[in-house]
Amino acid sequence: MPTSYHRFAGSSLARLAALSDGVFAVAMTLLVLDLKAPVLHARAQRPIWSASGGGSEHVLIHDLVHHVAPHLLPYAMSFLTLGIFWVGQQTQLESFTQSNRALTWIHLAFLLAVTLMPFSTSLLAQDITYRSSIAVYWLNLLALGVALFASLRYADRADLMSDETGVEMRAALKRRIVVYQWLYAFAALTSLVNTYVAIGLLVLFQLNAVIAPRIWILDRA
């Protein structure tokens, strides 16, 4: 009986990890493109950097504070987000013994959500007072989490996880995704009251994921 293509397609974890690294690197680089240097305009037809430039440095500082600084927070938050999900995906890949066609496509769907992060970040950076922008950003986070959770569930059922990844570790991997997705949803929901509160909570949750302090349910995640 001839061997089916689907039995060996997408079986290389190394190639999947290499592709993921490349996609994450590009997405994290694209985030910085939303940080644009302010355009300086001469006043009264005088050179902008001349000694008599009419307070041009004050204009520069004003533009940095009012036009560049608001983009820094979404940039830093999204960089943290991609870093967190990169670590999460690498942790999963290291717990698998091999891949298969279905698992590979689940991770390709995950990478699709990764490539959308620069867009949702740019949308959010335009004006963080828009609830719809926060909703789009949250949906991006949800897509990332759902794809990673689906990967774990499928790998567990398809017997693709290593023996070293015991029951407790598998439960911890799933619990971390679920807990943080609930936290993200809560943060997005607070945008109905105040969008700045929502952004602040998202940043705090991301910092918690990186620093991992021992705080009640967050420590369990």
Protein backbone atom coordinates (compact mmCIF):
# COMPACT_ATOMS: atom_id res chain seq x y z
CA MET A 1 0.00 0.00 0.00
CA PRO A 2 1.51 3.39 -0.99
CA THR A 3 2.36 5.83 1.81
CA SER A 4 -0.05 8.73 2.14
CA TYR A 5 1.40 12.22 1.72
CA HIS A 6 -0.48 13.41 4.82
CA ARG A 7 1.36 10.88 7.01
CA PHE A 8 4.75 12.56 6.62
CA ALA A 9 3.90 16.15 5.60
CA GLY A 10 4.82 18.83 8.13
CA SER A 11 6.62 16.43 10.45
CA SER A 12 9.74 18.51 11.12
CA LEU A 13 9.67 20.42 14.40
CA ALA A 14 13.00 22.05 13.56
CA ARG A 15 11.67 23.58 10.35
CA LEU A 16 8.53 24.76 12.13
CA ALA A 17 10.62 26.37 14.88
CA ALA A 18 12.87 28.05 12.30
CA LEU A 19 9.88 29.46 10.42
CA SER A 20 8.37 30.70 13.67
CA ASP A 21 11.59 32.44 14.66
CA GLY A 22 11.68 34.23 11.31
CA VAL A 23 8.06 35.34 11.47
CA PHE A 24 8.43 36.62 15.03
CA ALA A 25 11.63 38.48 14.12
CA VAL A 26 9.91 40.24 11.22
CA ALA A 27 6.76 41.05 13.21
CA MET A 28 8.78 42.46 16.13
CA THR A 29 10.83 44.57 13.71
CA LEU A 30 7.75 45.91 11.95
CA LEU A 31 6.44 47.23 15.27
CA VAL A 32 9.10 49.91 15.35
CA LEU A 33 8.05 51.29 11.97
CA ASP A 34 5.10 52.93 13.69
CA LEU A 35 7.56 55.12 15.61
CA LYS A 36 8.19 57.98 13.22
CA ALA A 37 10.50 60.89 13.89
CA PRO A 38 8.64 64.23 13.98
CA VAL A 39 8.80 66.35 10.86
CA LEU A 40 10.39 69.67 11.64
CA HIS A 41 9.15 72.75 9.80
CA ALA A 42 11.06 75.99 9.59
CA ARG A 43 9.42 79.05 11.03
CA ALA A 44 9.25 82.23 8.99
CA GLN A 45 11.41 80.66 6.27
CA ARG A 46 14.42 80.41 8.63
CA PRO A 47 16.64 77.31 8.94
CA ILE A 48 15.14 75.01 11.53
CA TRP A 49 18.41 74.44 13.39
CA SER A 50 19.72 78.03 13.20
CA ALA A 51 20.42 79.98 16.37
CA SER A 52 17.47 82.22 15.52
CA GLY A 53 15.20 79.32 14.63
CA GLY A 54 12.38 80.68 16.73
CA GLY A 55 12.25 77.99 19.42
CA SER A 56 12.50 75.06 17.01
CA GLU A 57 13.89 72.78 19.71
CA HIS A 58 10.81 73.50 21.78
CA VAL A 59 8.73 72.42 18.79
CA LEU A 60 10.75 69.23 18.53
CA ILE A 61 10.25 68.42 22.21
CA HIS A 62 6.55 69.21 21.88
CA ASP A 63 6.22 66.80 18.92
CA LEU A 64 8.18 64.09 20.72
CA VAL A 65 5.91 64.34 23.75
CA HIS A 66 2.59 64.68 21.91
CA HIS A 67 3.13 62.64 18.73
CA VAL A 68 5.88 60.09 19.40
CA ALA A 69 5.48 59.27 23.10
CA PRO A 70 1.85 58.02 22.73
CA HIS A 71 3.15 55.40 20.28
CA LEU A 72 5.85 54.16 22.62
CA LEU A 73 3.47 52.43 25.04
CA PRO A 74 1.64 50.33 22.40
CA TYR A 75 5.03 49.50 20.85
CA ALA A 76 6.54 48.32 24.14
CA MET A 77 3.36 46.44 25.07
CA SER A 78 3.25 44.60 21.74
CA PHE A 79 6.96 43.81 21.86
CA LEU A 80 6.36 42.22 25.25
CA THR A 81 3.32 40.40 23.86
CA LEU A 82 5.24 38.89 20.97
CA GLY A 83 8.10 37.96 23.28
CA ILE A 84 5.71 36.22 25.67
CA PHE A 85 3.99 34.27 22.91
CA TRP A 86 7.33 33.37 21.30
CA VAL A 87 8.47 31.86 24.60
CA GLY A 88 5.12 30.09 24.91
CA GLN A 89 5.34 28.57 21.45
CA GLN A 90 8.97 27.51 21.92
CA THR A 91 8.04 25.85 25.20
CA GLN A 92 5.35 23.91 23.40
CA LEU A 93 7.60 22.85 20.53
CA GLU A 94 10.20 21.59 22.99
CA SER A 95 7.55 19.45 24.69
CA PHE A 96 6.60 17.67 21.45
CA THR A 97 8.31 14.56 20.15
CA GLN A 98 7.37 15.33 16.56
CA SER A 99 4.90 17.26 14.45
CA ASN A 100 2.41 16.29 11.79
CA ARG A 101 0.42 18.02 9.10
CA ALA A 102 -2.45 19.09 11.36
CA LEU A 103 -0.22 20.40 14.15
CA THR A 104 1.89 22.32 11.64
CA TRP A 105 -1.18 24.06 10.24
CA ILE A 106 -2.35 24.95 13.74
CA HIS A 107 0.97 26.70 14.29
CA LEU A 108 0.73 28.37 10.89
CA ALA A 109 -2.61 29.78 12.04
CA PHE A 110 -0.83 30.96 15.17
CA LEU A 111 1.81 32.68 13.02
CA LEU A 112 -0.98 34.33 11.04
CA ALA A 113 -2.12 35.97 14.27
CA VAL A 114 1.49 36.96 14.96
CA THR A 115 1.75 38.80 11.64
CA LEU A 116 -1.40 40.78 12.51
CA MET A 117 0.16 42.22 15.67
CA PRO A 118 1.88 45.16 13.89
CA PHE A 119 -1.49 46.12 12.38
CA SER A 120 -3.45 45.94 15.63
CA THR A 121 -0.65 47.83 17.39
CA SER A 122 -0.65 50.57 14.77
CA LEU A 123 -4.43 50.85 15.02
CA LEU A 124 -4.23 51.15 18.79
CA ALA A 125 -1.40 53.70 18.63
CA GLN A 126 -3.45 56.03 16.42
CA ASP A 127 -5.69 56.88 19.34
CA ILE A 128 -5.89 54.74 22.47
CA THR A 129 -9.16 56.40 23.45
CA TYR A 130 -11.05 54.32 20.85
CA ARG A 131 -12.70 51.26 22.36
CA SER A 132 -12.87 49.61 18.94
CA SER A 133 -9.07 49.76 18.66
CA ILE A 134 -8.71 48.00 22.00
CA ALA A 135 -11.29 45.44 20.87
CA VAL A 136 -9.26 44.68 17.74
CA TYR A 137 -6.09 44.38 19.81
CA TRP A 138 -7.83 42.02 22.24
CA LEU A 139 -9.12 39.88 19.37
CA ASN A 140 -5.52 39.57 18.19
CA LEU A 141 -4.49 38.37 21.66
CA LEU A 142 -7.43 35.97 21.70
CA ALA A 143 -6.43 34.49 18.34
CA LEU A 144 -2.88 33.92 19.60
CA GLY A 145 -4.12 32.22 22.74
CA VAL A 146 -6.72 30.06 21.00
CA ALA A 147 -4.15 28.79 18.50
CA LEU A 148 -1.65 27.86 21.22
CA PHE A 149 -4.34 26.17 23.30
CA ALA A 150 -5.58 24.25 20.26
CA SER A 151 -2.01 23.13 19.63
CA LEU A 152 -1.69 21.70 23.13
CA ARG A 153 -5.05 19.96 23.01
CA TYR A 154 -4.33 18.41 19.63
CA ALA A 155 -0.79 17.32 20.50
CA ASP A 156 -2.02 15.74 23.73
CA ARG A 157 -4.77 13.79 21.99
CA ALA A 158 -2.56 12.80 19.05
CA ASP A 159 0.14 11.48 21.41
CA LEU A 160 2.75 13.90 20.11
CA MET A 161 3.99 15.06 23.51
CA SER A 162 7.18 13.72 25.07
CA ASP A 163 7.18 11.48 28.13
CA GLU A 164 9.09 14.17 30.04
CA THR A 165 6.07 16.46 29.67
CA GLY A 166 4.03 14.98 32.48
CA VAL A 167 0.40 15.50 33.40
CA GLU A 168 1.18 18.41 35.74
CA MET A 169 3.28 20.20 33.15
CA ARG A 170 0.62 19.75 30.48
CA ALA A 171 -1.99 21.13 32.86
CA ALA A 172 0.28 24.08 33.72
CA LEU A 173 0.80 24.90 30.03
CA LYS A 174 -2.94 24.93 29.40
CA ARG A 175 -3.74 26.79 32.62
CA ARG A 176 -1.32 29.60 31.78
CA ILE A 177 -3.02 30.22 28.45
CA VAL A 178 -6.53 30.13 29.91
CA VAL A 179 -5.74 32.37 32.89
CA TYR A 180 -4.07 35.04 30.78
CA GLN A 181 -6.83 34.98 28.19
CA TRP A 182 -9.33 35.68 30.95
CA LEU A 183 -7.12 38.50 32.20
CA TYR A 184 -6.86 39.98 28.71
CA ALA A 185 -10.63 39.77 28.32
CA PHE A 186 -11.11 41.53 31.67
CA ALA A 187 -8.69 44.28 30.64
CA ALA A 188 -10.50 44.76 27.33
CA LEU A 189 -13.83 44.91 29.13
CA THR A 190 -12.62 47.76 31.33
CA SER A 191 -12.24 49.88 28.20
CA LEU A 192 -16.01 50.39 28.43
CA VAL A 193 -15.24 52.47 31.52
CA ASN A 194 -11.86 53.94 30.59
CA THR A 195 -9.50 52.97 27.78
CA TYR A 196 -6.45 54.12 29.73
CA VAL A 197 -7.32 51.68 32.50
CA ALA A 198 -7.56 48.90 29.91
CA ILE A 199 -4.14 49.74 28.49
CA GLY A 200 -2.66 49.95 31.98
CA LEU A 201 -4.02 46.53 32.91
CA LEU A 202 -2.72 44.96 29.70
CA VAL A 203 0.75 46.36 30.42
CA LEU A 204 0.64 45.09 34.01
CA PHE A 205 -0.43 41.62 32.91
CA GLN A 206 2.35 41.49 30.32
CA LEU A 207 4.94 42.62 32.85
CA ASN A 208 3.65 39.98 35.25
CA ALA A 209 4.13 37.32 32.59
CA VAL A 210 7.73 38.45 32.12
CA ILE A 211 8.72 39.06 35.73
CA ALA A 212 6.49 36.33 37.22
CA PRO A 213 6.06 37.67 40.78
CA ARG A 214 4.31 35.45 43.30
CA ILE A 215 0.82 36.96 43.21
CA TRP A 216 -2.06 34.60 43.93
CA ILE A 217 -3.63 33.23 40.72
CA LEU A 218 -1.04 35.00 38.57
CA ASP A 219 1.67 32.88 40.16
CA ARG A 220 -0.25 29.72 39.21
CA ALA A 221 -0.23 30.91 35.60
